[in-house]
């Protein structure tokens, strides 16, 4: 899932080399992916009204269902 998310993010931002994703799985059972990107790209990742980050979350959630996991995305 992480590589899929990184590939999607790198394809939409202007500074793909600055994109990093770290995964954290606290005791709640939800995998939280923290996205770090160039300051100019954060607006692109979030999108107008949060549409882009919601779409990315939906795509990753579909993949997570196959692995019996739940995911959440956070832009830092």
PDB file of N, CA and C in Angstrom:
ATOM      1  N   UNK A   1       0.821  -1.190   0.000  1.00  0.00           N
ATOM      2  CA  UNK A   1       0.000   0.000   0.000  1.00  0.00           C
ATOM      3  C   UNK A   1       0.865   1.255   0.000  1.00  0.00           C
ATOM      4  N   UNK A   2       1.938   1.204   0.759  1.00  0.00           N
ATOM      5  CA  UNK A   2       2.792   2.389   0.874  1.00  0.00           C
ATOM      6  C   UNK A   2       3.410   2.764  -0.463  1.00  0.00           C
ATOM      7  N   UNK A   3       3.851   1.771  -1.224  1.00  0.00           N
ATOM      8  CA  UNK A   3       4.460   2.075  -2.523  1.00  0.00           C
ATOM      9  C   UNK A   3       3.417   2.624  -3.495  1.00  0.00           C
ATOM     10  N   UNK A   4       2.206   2.122  -3.419  1.00  0.00           N
ATOM     11  CA  UNK A   4       1.127   2.644  -4.264  1.00  0.00           C
ATOM     12  C   UNK A   4       0.860   4.101  -3.931  1.00  0.00           C
ATOM     13  N   UNK A   5       0.808   4.422  -2.653  1.00  0.00           N
ATOM     14  CA  UNK A   5       0.582   5.794  -2.223  1.00  0.00           C
ATOM     15  C   UNK A   5       1.710   6.705  -2.671  1.00  0.00           C
ATOM     16  N   UNK A   6       2.947   6.262  -2.522  1.00  0.00           N
ATOM     17  CA  UNK A   6       4.089   7.076  -2.945  1.00  0.00           C
ATOM     18  C   UNK A   6       4.046   7.326  -4.444  1.00  0.00           C
ATOM     19  N   UNK A   7       3.743   6.304  -5.216  1.00  0.00           N
ATOM     20  CA  UNK A   7       3.671   6.471  -6.666  1.00  0.00           C
ATOM     21  C   UNK A   7       2.577   7.452  -7.069  1.00  0.00           C
ATOM     22  N   UNK A   8       1.420   7.370  -6.428  1.00  0.00           N
ATOM     23  CA  UNK A   8       0.333   8.302  -6.723  1.00  0.00           C
ATOM     24  C   UNK A   8       0.731   9.731  -6.369  1.00  0.00           C
ATOM     25  N   UNK A   9       1.333   9.899  -5.196  1.00  0.00           N
ATOM     26  CA  UNK A   9       1.732  11.240  -4.766  1.00  0.00           C
ATOM     27  C   UNK A   9       2.786  11.838  -5.685  1.00  0.00           C
ATOM     28  N   UNK A  10       3.789  11.046  -6.046  1.00  0.00           N
ATOM     29  CA  UNK A  10       4.867  11.550  -6.904  1.00  0.00           C
ATOM     30  C   UNK A  10       4.363  11.934  -8.289  1.00  0.00           C
ATOM     31  N   UNK A  11       3.263  11.332  -8.716  1.00  0.00           N
ATOM     32  CA  UNK A  11       2.738  11.643 -10.046  1.00  0.00           C
ATOM     33  C   UNK A  11       1.944  12.949 -10.076  1.00  0.00           C
ATOM     34  N   UNK A  12       1.528  13.468  -8.913  1.00  0.00           N
ATOM     35  CA  UNK A  12       0.717  14.684  -8.923  1.00  0.00           C
ATOM     36  C   UNK A  12       1.441  15.930  -8.422  1.00  0.00           C
ATOM     37  N   UNK A  13       2.607  15.773  -7.785  1.00  0.00           N
ATOM     38  CA  UNK A  13       3.300  16.931  -7.208  1.00  0.00           C
ATOM     39  C   UNK A  13       4.356  17.490  -8.158  1.00  0.00           C
ATOM     40  N   UNK A  14       4.827  18.707  -7.848  1.00  0.00           N
ATOM     41  CA  UNK A  14       5.859  19.359  -8.658  1.00  0.00           C
ATOM     42  C   UNK A  14       7.268  18.989  -8.208  1.00  0.00           C
ATOM     43  N   UNK A  15       7.429  18.555  -6.973  1.00  0.00           N
ATOM     44  CA  UNK A  15       8.728  18.170  -6.424  1.00  0.00           C
ATOM     45  C   UNK A  15       8.660  16.721  -5.919  1.00  0.00           C
ATOM     46  N   UNK A  16       8.677  15.746  -6.830  1.00  0.00           N
ATOM     47  CA  UNK A  16       8.482  14.353  -6.421  1.00  0.00           C
ATOM     48  C   UNK A  16       9.593  13.799  -5.528  1.00  0.00           C
ATOM     49  N   UNK A  17      10.795  14.362  -5.611  1.00  0.00           N
ATOM     50  CA  UNK A  17      11.892  13.860  -4.786  1.00  0.00           C
ATOM     51  C   UNK A  17      11.712  14.195  -3.306  1.00  0.00           C
ATOM     52  N   UNK A  18      10.874  15.178  -2.991  1.00  0.00           N
ATOM     53  CA  UNK A  18      10.661  15.599  -1.612  1.00  0.00           C
ATOM     54  C   UNK A  18       9.522  14.848  -0.918  1.00  0.00           C
ATOM     55  N   UNK A  19       8.872  13.944  -1.617  1.00  0.00           N
ATOM     56  CA  UNK A  19       7.732  13.208  -1.046  1.00  0.00           C
ATOM     57  C   UNK A  19       8.235  12.008  -0.249  1.00  0.00           C
ATOM     58  N   UNK A  20       7.813  11.944   1.009  1.00  0.00           N
ATOM     59  CA  UNK A  20       8.099  10.769   1.828  1.00  0.00           C
ATOM     60  C   UNK A  20       6.816  10.354   2.553  1.00  0.00           C
ATOM     61  N   UNK A  21       6.706   9.076   2.806  1.00  0.00           N
ATOM     62  CA  UNK A  21       5.545   8.540   3.507  1.00  0.00           C
ATOM     63  C   UNK A  21       6.053   7.625   4.616  1.00  0.00           C
ATOM     64  N   UNK A  22       5.548   7.840   5.816  1.00  0.00           N
ATOM     65  CA  UNK A  22       5.899   6.951   6.923  1.00  0.00           C
ATOM     66  C   UNK A  22       4.617   6.335   7.474  1.00  0.00           C
ATOM     67  N   UNK A  23       4.713   5.069   7.813  1.00  0.00           N
ATOM     68  CA  UNK A  23       3.552   4.336   8.324  1.00  0.00           C
ATOM     69  C   UNK A  23       3.682   4.138   9.820  1.00  0.00           C
ATOM     70  N   UNK A  24       2.565   4.267  10.502  1.00  0.00           N
ATOM     71  CA  UNK A  24       2.512   4.064  11.948  1.00  0.00           C
ATOM     72  C   UNK A  24       1.237   3.292  12.245  1.00  0.00           C
ATOM     73  N   UNK A  25       1.366   2.245  13.032  1.00  0.00           N
ATOM     74  CA  UNK A  25       0.195   1.447  13.378  1.00  0.00           C
ATOM     75  C   UNK A  25       0.038   1.408  14.898  1.00  0.00           C
ATOM     76  N   UNK A  26      -0.690   2.400  15.431  1.00  0.00           N
ATOM     77  CA  UNK A  26      -0.910   2.390  16.879  1.00  0.00           C
ATOM     78  C   UNK A  26      -1.848   1.245  17.274  1.00  0.00           C
ATOM     79  N   UNK A  27      -2.158   1.143  18.519  1.00  0.00           N
ATOM     80  CA  UNK A  27      -2.940   0.024  19.033  1.00  0.00           C
ATOM     81  C   UNK A  27      -4.386   0.024  18.548  1.00  0.00           C
ATOM     82  N   UNK A  28      -4.819   1.083  17.891  1.00  0.00           N
ATOM     83  CA  UNK A  28      -6.202   1.144  17.423  1.00  0.00           C
ATOM     84  C   UNK A  28      -6.457   0.237  16.235  1.00  0.00           C
ATOM     85  N   UNK A  29      -5.403  -0.236  15.576  1.00  0.00           N
ATOM     86  CA  UNK A  29      -5.563  -1.122  14.437  1.00  0.00           C
ATOM     87  C   UNK A  29      -5.683  -0.402  13.112  1.00  0.00           C
ATOM     88  N   UNK A  30      -5.582   0.922  13.131  1.00  0.00           N
ATOM     89  CA  UNK A  30      -5.644   1.709  11.909  1.00  0.00           C
ATOM     90  C   UNK A  30      -4.226   2.116  11.533  1.00  0.00           C
ATOM     91  N   UNK A  31      -3.826   1.845  10.301  1.00  0.00           N
ATOM     92  CA  UNK A  31      -2.514   2.259   9.820  1.00  0.00           C
ATOM     93  C   UNK A  31      -2.608   3.733   9.414  1.00  0.00           C
ATOM     94  N   UNK A  32      -1.770   4.560  10.013  1.00  0.00           N
ATOM     95  CA  UNK A  32      -1.762   5.991   9.710  1.00  0.00           C
ATOM     96  C   UNK A  32      -0.536   6.284   8.861  1.00  0.00           C
ATOM     97  N   UNK A  33      -0.780   6.765   7.642  1.00  0.00           N
ATOM     98  CA  UNK A  33       0.305   7.156   6.752  1.00  0.00           C
ATOM     99  C   UNK A  33       0.492   8.663   6.859  1.00  0.00           C
ATOM    100  N   UNK A  34       1.684   9.082   7.269  1.00  0.00           N
ATOM    101  CA  UNK A  34       2.010  10.493   7.381  1.00  0.00           C
ATOM    102  C   UNK A  34       2.783  10.893   6.135  1.00  0.00           C
ATOM    103  N   UNK A  35       2.246  11.873   5.416  1.00  0.00           N
ATOM    104  CA  UNK A  35       2.830  12.335   4.158  1.00  0.00           C
ATOM    105  C   UNK A  35       3.605  13.614   4.417  1.00  0.00           C
ATOM    106  N   UNK A  36       4.870  13.629   4.016  1.00  0.00           N
ATOM    107  CA  UNK A  36       5.699  14.818   4.101  1.00  0.00           C
ATOM    108  C   UNK A  36       6.080  15.198   2.676  1.00  0.00           C
ATOM    109  N   UNK A  37       5.896  16.474   2.339  1.00  0.00           N
ATOM    110  CA  UNK A  37       6.175  16.923   0.977  1.00  0.00           C
ATOM    111  C   UNK A  37       6.696  18.356   1.009  1.00  0.00           C
ATOM    112  N   UNK A  38       7.148  18.823  -0.136  1.00  0.00           N
ATOM    113  CA  UNK A  38       7.592  20.204  -0.293  1.00  0.00           C
ATOM    114  C   UNK A  38       6.433  21.133   0.048  1.00  0.00           C
ATOM    115  N   UNK A  39       6.741  22.277   0.623  1.00  0.00           N
ATOM    116  CA  UNK A  39       5.708  23.221   1.070  1.00  0.00           C
ATOM    117  C   UNK A  39       4.739  23.603  -0.056  1.00  0.00           C
ATOM    118  N   UNK A  40       5.249  23.787  -1.271  1.00  0.00           N
ATOM    119  CA  UNK A  40       4.397  24.162  -2.412  1.00  0.00           C
ATOM    120  C   UNK A  40       3.452  23.037  -2.817  1.00  0.00           C
ATOM    121  N   UNK A  41       3.821  21.808  -2.539  1.00  0.00           N
ATOM    122  CA  UNK A  41       3.033  20.658  -2.978  1.00  0.00           C
ATOM    123  C   UNK A  41       1.924  20.268  -2.002  1.00  0.00           C
ATOM    124  N   UNK A  42       1.960  20.793  -0.799  1.00  0.00           N
ATOM    125  CA  UNK A  42       0.947  20.417   0.189  1.00  0.00           C
ATOM    126  C   UNK A  42      -0.456  20.807  -0.265  1.00  0.00           C
ATOM    127  N   UNK A  43      -0.583  21.955  -0.902  1.00  0.00           N
ATOM    128  CA  UNK A  43      -1.877  22.380  -1.431  1.00  0.00           C
ATOM    129  C   UNK A  43      -2.373  21.469  -2.530  1.00  0.00           C
ATOM    130  N   UNK A  44      -1.455  20.985  -3.344  1.00  0.00           N
ATOM    131  CA  UNK A  44      -1.826  20.062  -4.428  1.00  0.00           C
ATOM    132  C   UNK A  44      -2.300  18.736  -3.830  1.00  0.00           C
ATOM    133  N   UNK A  45      -1.599  18.263  -2.815  1.00  0.00           N
ATOM    134  CA  UNK A  45      -1.953  16.985  -2.203  1.00  0.00           C
ATOM    135  C   UNK A  45      -3.312  17.071  -1.510  1.00  0.00           C
ATOM    136  N   UNK A  46      -3.568  18.159  -0.807  1.00  0.00           N
ATOM    137  CA  UNK A  46      -4.841  18.312  -0.109  1.00  0.00           C
ATOM    138  C   UNK A  46      -5.967  18.584  -1.094  1.00  0.00           C
ATOM    139  N   UNK A  47      -5.728  19.468  -2.050  1.00  0.00           N
ATOM    140  CA  UNK A  47      -6.729  19.781  -3.060  1.00  0.00           C
ATOM    141  C   UNK A  47      -7.789  20.734  -2.549  1.00  0.00           C
ATOM    142  N   UNK A  48      -8.595  21.215  -3.463  1.00  0.00           N
ATOM    143  CA  UNK A  48      -9.643  22.172  -3.113  1.00  0.00           C
ATOM    144  C   UNK A  48     -10.702  21.478  -2.261  1.00  0.00           C
ATOM    145  N   UNK A  49     -10.861  21.979  -1.056  1.00  0.00           N
ATOM    146  CA  UNK A  49     -11.838  21.387  -0.152  1.00  0.00           C
ATOM    147  C   UNK A  49     -11.468  19.994   0.320  1.00  0.00           C
ATOM    148  N   UNK A  50     -10.208  19.599   0.152  1.00  0.00           N
ATOM    149  CA  UNK A  50      -9.764  18.279   0.586  1.00  0.00           C
ATOM    150  C   UNK A  50     -10.116  17.157  -0.371  1.00  0.00           C
ATOM    151  N   UNK A  51     -10.475  17.509  -1.582  1.00  0.00           N
ATOM    152  CA  UNK A  51     -10.918  16.479  -2.534  1.00  0.00           C
ATOM    153  C   UNK A  51      -9.820  15.494  -2.912  1.00  0.00           C
ATOM    154  N   UNK A  52      -8.614  16.003  -3.144  1.00  0.00           N
ATOM    155  CA  UNK A  52      -7.533  15.123  -3.591  1.00  0.00           C
ATOM    156  C   UNK A  52      -7.119  14.153  -2.491  1.00  0.00           C
ATOM    157  N   UNK A  53      -6.933  14.649  -1.276  1.00  0.00           N
ATOM    158  CA  UNK A  53      -6.528  13.766  -0.185  1.00  0.00           C
ATOM    159  C   UNK A  53      -7.631  12.755   0.124  1.00  0.00           C
ATOM    160  N   UNK A  54      -8.876  13.138  -0.027  1.00  0.00           N
ATOM    161  CA  UNK A  54      -9.994  12.210   0.178  1.00  0.00           C
ATOM    162  C   UNK A  54      -9.971  11.113  -0.889  1.00  0.00           C
ATOM    163  N   UNK A  55      -9.701  11.504  -2.134  1.00  0.00           N
ATOM    164  CA  UNK A  55      -9.628  10.520  -3.217  1.00  0.00           C
ATOM    165  C   UNK A  55      -8.461   9.556  -2.997  1.00  0.00           C
ATOM    166  N   UNK A  56      -7.317  10.088  -2.566  1.00  0.00           N
ATOM    167  CA  UNK A  56      -6.172   9.226  -2.273  1.00  0.00           C
ATOM    168  C   UNK A  56      -6.501   8.268  -1.132  1.00  0.00           C
ATOM    169  N   UNK A  57      -7.167   8.773  -0.126  1.00  0.00           N
ATOM    170  CA  UNK A  57      -7.559   7.936   1.011  1.00  0.00           C
ATOM    171  C   UNK A  57      -8.507   6.826   0.557  1.00  0.00           C
ATOM    172  N   UNK A  58      -9.442   7.151  -0.333  1.00  0.00           N
ATOM    173  CA  UNK A  58     -10.380   6.146  -0.841  1.00  0.00           C
ATOM    174  C   UNK A  58      -9.654   5.056  -1.626  1.00  0.00           C
ATOM    175  N   UNK A  59      -8.682   5.441  -2.441  1.00  0.00           N
ATOM    176  CA  UNK A  59      -7.928   4.467  -3.236  1.00  0.00           C
ATOM    177  C   UNK A  59      -7.140   3.531  -2.331  1.00  0.00           C
ATOM    178  N   UNK A  60      -6.457   4.113  -1.344  1.00  0.00           N
ATOM    179  CA  UNK A  60      -5.657   3.301  -0.433  1.00  0.00           C
ATOM    180  C   UNK A  60      -6.560   2.431   0.446  1.00  0.00           C
ATOM    181  N   UNK A  61      -7.726   2.939   0.803  1.00  0.00           N
ATOM    182  CA  UNK A  61      -8.661   2.163   1.624  1.00  0.00           C
ATOM    183  C   UNK A  61      -9.144   0.918   0.890  1.00  0.00           C
ATOM    184  N   UNK A  62      -9.359   1.033  -0.401  1.00  0.00           N
ATOM    185  CA  UNK A  62      -9.784  -0.127  -1.195  1.00  0.00           C
ATOM    186  C   UNK A  62      -8.693  -1.190  -1.177  1.00  0.00           C
ATOM    187  N   UNK A  63      -7.463  -0.748  -1.322  1.00  0.00           N
ATOM    188  CA  UNK A  63      -6.348  -1.692  -1.279  1.00  0.00           C
ATOM    189  C   UNK A  63      -6.195  -2.298   0.122  1.00  0.00           C
ATOM    190  N   UNK A  64      -6.471  -1.514   1.147  1.00  0.00           N
ATOM    191  CA  UNK A  64      -6.342  -1.987   2.529  1.00  0.00           C
ATOM    192  C   UNK A  64      -7.386  -3.047   2.856  1.00  0.00           C
ATOM    193  N   UNK A  65      -8.557  -2.944   2.265  1.00  0.00           N
ATOM    194  CA  UNK A  65      -9.614  -3.925   2.518  1.00  0.00           C
ATOM    195  C   UNK A  65      -9.148  -5.323   2.125  1.00  0.00           C
ATOM    196  N   UNK A  66      -8.388  -5.414   1.053  1.00  0.00           N
ATOM    197  CA  UNK A  66      -7.872  -6.711   0.616  1.00  0.00           C
ATOM    198  C   UNK A  66      -6.941  -7.323   1.659  1.00  0.00           C
ATOM    199  N   UNK A  67      -6.293  -6.455   2.448  1.00  0.00           N
ATOM    200  CA  UNK A  67      -5.356  -6.921   3.469  1.00  0.00           C
ATOM    201  C   UNK A  67      -5.980  -6.910   4.868  1.00  0.00           C
ATOM    202  N   UNK A  68      -7.300  -6.701   4.940  1.00  0.00           N
ATOM    203  CA  UNK A  68      -8.037  -6.657   6.213  1.00  0.00           C
ATOM    204  C   UNK A  68      -7.470  -5.613   7.174  1.00  0.00           C
ATOM    205  N   UNK A  69      -7.204  -4.428   6.641  1.00  0.00           N
ATOM    206  CA  UNK A  69      -6.686  -3.328   7.449  1.00  0.00           C
ATOM    207  C   UNK A  69      -7.525  -2.091   7.206  1.00  0.00           C
ATOM    208  N   UNK A  70      -7.355  -1.091   8.079  1.00  0.00           N
ATOM    209  CA  UNK A  70      -7.975   0.215   7.915  1.00  0.00           C
ATOM    210  C   UNK A  70      -6.857   1.243   7.836  1.00  0.00           C
ATOM    211  N   UNK A  71      -7.044   2.281   7.027  1.00  0.00           N
ATOM    212  CA  UNK A  71      -5.986   3.273   6.838  1.00  0.00           C
ATOM    213  C   UNK A  71      -6.526   4.686   7.010  1.00  0.00           C
ATOM    214  N   UNK A  72      -5.587   5.588   7.271  1.00  0.00           N
ATOM    215  CA  UNK A  72      -5.879   7.007   7.369  1.00  0.00           C
ATOM    216  C   UNK A  72      -4.655   7.752   6.864  1.00  0.00           C
ATOM    217  N   UNK A  73      -4.890   8.866   6.170  1.00  0.00           N
ATOM    218  CA  UNK A  73      -3.779   9.672   5.643  1.00  0.00           C
ATOM    219  C   UNK A  73      -3.699  10.982   6.410  1.00  0.00           C
ATOM    220  N   UNK A  74      -2.470  11.429   6.654  1.00  0.00           N
ATOM    221  CA  UNK A  74      -2.243  12.681   7.356  1.00  0.00           C
ATOM    222  C   UNK A  74      -1.133  13.429   6.635  1.00  0.00           C
ATOM    223  N   UNK A  75      -1.359  14.697   6.287  1.00  0.00           N
ATOM    224  CA  UNK A  75      -0.346  15.514   5.635  1.00  0.00           C
ATOM    225  C   UNK A  75       0.334  16.345   6.713  1.00  0.00           C
ATOM    226  N   UNK A  76       1.652  16.253   6.762  1.00  0.00           N
ATOM    227  CA  UNK A  76       2.406  16.972   7.775  1.00  0.00           C
ATOM    228  C   UNK A  76       3.014  18.217   7.181  1.00  0.00           C
TER     229      UNK A  76
END
